[in-house]
Protein backbone atom coordinates (compact mmCIF):
# COMPACT_ATOMS: atom_id res chain seq x y z
CA UNK A 1 -3.99 -4.97 5.74
CA UNK A 2 -6.64 -6.84 7.64
CA UNK A 3 -9.29 -4.87 9.51
CA UNK A 4 -8.72 -4.11 13.20
CA UNK A 5 -10.88 -6.00 15.63
CA UNK A 6 -13.78 -3.89 16.87
CA UNK A 7 -17.34 -2.75 16.44
CA UNK A 8 -17.75 0.37 14.30
CA UNK A 9 -20.69 2.64 13.66
CA UNK A 10 -19.96 4.74 10.56
CA UNK A 11 -21.75 7.68 9.00
CA UNK A 12 -21.04 10.64 6.74
CA UNK A 13 -18.15 11.73 8.98
CA UNK A 14 -16.42 8.39 8.17
CA UNK A 15 -16.38 8.80 4.38
CA UNK A 16 -18.63 8.68 1.38
CA UNK A 17 -21.35 6.54 -0.06
CA UNK A 18 -22.33 7.57 -3.61
CA UNK A 19 -24.54 6.54 -6.45
CA UNK A 20 -23.57 6.76 -10.12
CA UNK A 21 -26.18 6.94 -12.90
CA UNK A 22 -25.52 6.68 -16.62
CA UNK A 23 -27.35 8.35 -19.50
CA UNK A 24 -28.92 6.50 -22.37
CA UNK A 25 -31.33 7.02 -25.25
CA UNK A 26 -31.40 8.89 -28.50
CA UNK A 27 -30.77 12.28 -26.87
CA UNK A 28 -28.11 11.07 -24.46
CA UNK A 29 -25.57 13.51 -25.96
CA UNK A 30 -27.43 16.34 -24.18
CA UNK A 31 -27.72 14.44 -20.89
CA UNK A 32 -25.16 13.77 -18.17
CA UNK A 33 -23.92 10.85 -16.18
CA UNK A 34 -24.36 11.81 -12.55
CA UNK A 35 -22.49 11.46 -9.25
CA UNK A 36 -25.03 11.51 -6.39
CA UNK A 37 -24.00 11.79 -2.79
CA UNK A 38 -25.89 9.73 -0.21
CA UNK A 39 -25.72 12.04 2.78
CA UNK A 40 -27.64 10.23 5.51
CA UNK A 41 -26.43 6.67 6.08
CA UNK A 42 -25.30 4.36 8.87
CA UNK A 43 -22.91 1.50 8.47
CA UNK A 44 -22.42 -0.98 11.34
CA UNK A 45 -19.30 -3.13 11.04
CA UNK A 46 -18.37 -5.94 13.40
CA UNK A 47 -14.88 -7.34 13.20
CA UNK A 48 -14.47 -10.04 15.92
CA UNK A 49 -11.20 -11.51 17.11
CA UNK A 50 -11.57 -14.27 14.52
CA UNK A 51 -11.55 -11.76 11.68
CA UNK A 52 -14.05 -10.01 9.43
CA UNK A 53 -15.10 -13.42 7.95
CA UNK A 54 -16.87 -14.17 11.22
CA UNK A 55 -18.21 -10.58 11.46
CA UNK A 56 -20.97 -8.60 9.87
CA UNK A 57 -21.72 -5.54 7.80
CA UNK A 58 -25.05 -3.61 7.85
CA UNK A 59 -25.99 -0.48 5.98
CA UNK A 60 -29.06 1.82 6.23
CA UNK A 61 -29.60 4.74 3.84
CA UNK A 62 -32.30 7.42 4.14
CA UNK A 63 -33.60 7.66 0.58
CA UNK A 64 -34.48 11.37 0.96
CA UNK A 65 -30.81 12.21 1.50
CA UNK A 66 -29.58 11.72 -2.08
CA UNK A 67 -28.19 14.95 -3.44
CA UNK A 68 -26.55 15.57 -6.88
CA UNK A 69 -22.85 16.25 -6.44
CA UNK A 70 -21.97 16.86 -10.13
CA UNK A 71 -22.11 15.65 -13.67
CA UNK A 72 -19.61 13.07 -14.80
CA UNK A 73 -17.85 12.87 -18.13
CA UNK A 74 -15.91 9.76 -19.23
CA UNK A 75 -15.89 8.51 -15.61
CA UNK A 76 -14.46 11.73 -14.27
CA UNK A 77 -16.10 14.49 -12.12
CA UNK A 78 -17.25 17.40 -14.33
CA UNK A 79 -18.24 20.07 -11.76
CA UNK A 80 -19.84 23.33 -12.92
CA UNK A 81 -21.63 21.61 -15.84
CA UNK A 82 -25.05 21.64 -14.15
CA UNK A 83 -26.80 24.80 -13.13
CA UNK A 84 -28.49 25.05 -9.71
CA UNK A 85 -31.93 24.80 -11.37
CA UNK A 86 -30.87 21.60 -13.23
CA UNK A 87 -29.69 20.05 -9.94
CA UNK A 88 -32.97 21.05 -8.21
CA UNK A 89 -35.00 19.58 -11.06
CA UNK A 90 -32.97 16.34 -11.04
CA UNK A 91 -33.35 15.95 -7.25
CA UNK A 92 -37.12 16.61 -7.45
CA UNK A 93 -37.47 14.01 -10.22
CA UNK A 94 -35.33 11.58 -8.32
CA UNK A 95 -37.62 11.78 -5.28
CA UNK A 96 -40.97 12.07 -7.03
CA UNK A 97 -40.47 9.82 -10.06
CA UNK A 98 -37.86 7.26 -8.97
CA UNK A 99 -37.22 6.70 -5.21
CA UNK A 100 -40.55 7.67 -3.57
CA UNK A 101 -39.02 8.39 -0.16
CA UNK A 102 -42.42 9.09 1.39
CA UNK A 103 -43.30 5.41 0.82
CA UNK A 104 -39.81 3.83 0.97
CA UNK A 105 -37.88 5.95 3.45
CA UNK A 106 -34.90 3.59 3.81
CA UNK A 107 -32.72 1.20 1.86
CA UNK A 108 -30.69 -1.38 3.73
CA UNK A 109 -28.10 -4.09 3.37
CA UNK A 110 -27.32 -6.92 5.75
CA UNK A 111 -24.43 -9.34 5.20
CA UNK A 112 -24.99 -13.08 5.32
CA UNK A 113 -21.38 -14.13 4.64
CA UNK A 114 -17.99 -12.53 4.32
CA UNK A 115 -14.98 -14.23 2.76
CA UNK A 116 -11.58 -12.70 3.46
CA UNK A 117 -8.84 -12.92 0.82
CA UNK A 118 -5.82 -10.90 1.72
CA UNK A 119 -6.59 -7.20 1.30
CA UNK A 120 -10.10 -7.82 0.05
CA UNK A 121 -13.36 -9.43 1.12
CA UNK A 122 -16.23 -10.92 -0.85
CA UNK A 123 -19.54 -10.03 0.83
CA UNK A 124 -22.86 -11.68 0.24
CA UNK A 125 -26.15 -10.45 1.72
CA UNK A 126 -29.57 -9.02 1.13
CA UNK A 127 -30.27 -5.54 -0.25
CA UNK A 128 -33.71 -4.08 0.50
CA UNK A 129 -34.64 -1.13 -1.77
CA UNK A 130 -38.01 0.27 -2.81
CA UNK A 131 -39.91 -2.47 -0.94
CA UNK A 132 -38.01 -5.28 -2.59
CA UNK A 133 -35.31 -7.55 -1.03
CA UNK A 134 -32.81 -9.40 -3.19
CA UNK A 135 -29.45 -11.16 -2.68
CA UNK A 136 -26.39 -9.24 -3.77
CA UNK A 137 -22.63 -9.91 -3.77
CA UNK A 138 -19.80 -7.40 -3.97
CA UNK A 139 -16.09 -7.02 -3.11
CA UNK A 140 -14.51 -4.72 -0.58
CA UNK A 141 -10.93 -3.49 -0.67
CA UNK A 142 -9.60 -3.40 2.90
CA UNK A 143 -5.96 -2.57 2.05
CA UNK A 144 -6.28 0.88 3.64
CA UNK A 145 -7.73 -0.51 6.86
CA UNK A 146 -11.10 0.83 5.82
CA UNK A 147 -13.84 -0.27 3.42
CA UNK A 148 -13.72 0.70 -0.25
CA UNK A 149 -15.67 -0.68 -3.15
CA UNK A 150 -18.25 -0.27 -5.93
CA UNK A 151 -20.98 -2.52 -7.21
CA UNK A 152 -23.80 -2.41 -9.72
CA UNK A 153 -27.50 -2.79 -9.08
CA UNK A 154 -30.28 -3.07 -11.66
CA UNK A 155 -33.08 -0.69 -10.77
CA UNK A 156 -35.90 -2.73 -12.29
CA UNK A 157 -34.89 -5.66 -10.06
CA UNK A 158 -36.14 -3.52 -7.17
CA UNK A 159 -39.33 -2.32 -8.83
CA UNK A 160 -37.79 1.07 -9.73
CA UNK A 161 -38.58 2.53 -13.13
CA UNK A 162 -35.40 4.24 -14.41
CA UNK A 163 -35.97 7.91 -15.11
CA UNK A 164 -36.90 8.93 -18.60
CA UNK A 165 -38.04 12.15 -20.30
CA UNK A 166 -38.91 13.43 -23.77
CA UNK A 167 -40.96 10.32 -24.57
CA UNK A 168 -38.05 8.04 -23.70
CA UNK A 169 -35.50 9.64 -25.97
CA UNK A 170 -33.61 10.74 -22.85
CA UNK A 171 -33.22 8.22 -20.02
CA UNK A 172 -31.06 6.75 -17.31
CA UNK A 173 -29.72 3.27 -17.79
CA UNK A 174 -31.24 0.54 -15.69
CA UNK A 175 -27.88 -0.33 -14.24
CA UNK A 176 -26.41 2.07 -11.67
CA UNK A 177 -23.36 1.83 -9.40
CA UNK A 178 -23.08 2.28 -5.67
CA UNK A 179 -19.60 3.25 -4.39
CA UNK A 180 -18.27 3.64 -0.92
CA UNK A 181 -15.01 4.70 0.76
CA UNK A 182 -15.21 4.56 4.55
CA UNK A 183 -12.56 4.86 7.23
CA UNK A 184 -12.89 2.75 10.37
CA UNK A 185 -10.58 5.03 12.35
């Protein structure tokens, strides 16, 4: 299904944008992969008469809006695993030691090209995160008439030091995923 012609301004009422982090290190057995909700975001989508390929996609995220949803196990949600104090500690570390929202309050993406291919699109553009802008490409599934996808970023590419504790025996992998599932209607 191709996207309907129109200009759309999407936010948390339109669906979800999430981050997925993955544990690593010698003590990774006691750590958790995490699903993190991005609660304050805006996505602007322009689908002109000629189709999405001649349109645009822009995203802006408030970096202080990331909240831990739950732990993940084998790629599946594992709610109830983390205590409230664990969640509060993770969110404090995420702000203070990783994202620094006081200095880098937003992250953004702006498309440069969109290639349509049936029920999917390949998007190329620039991602600005933590004061660094780099090109990035990803695919979007449009079969539902909305935007759905997931892509990987490497934190150190953006000057972010992945979280580590216990002298590095417990850490988060450098690669993390960003997923989205947004309705245009």
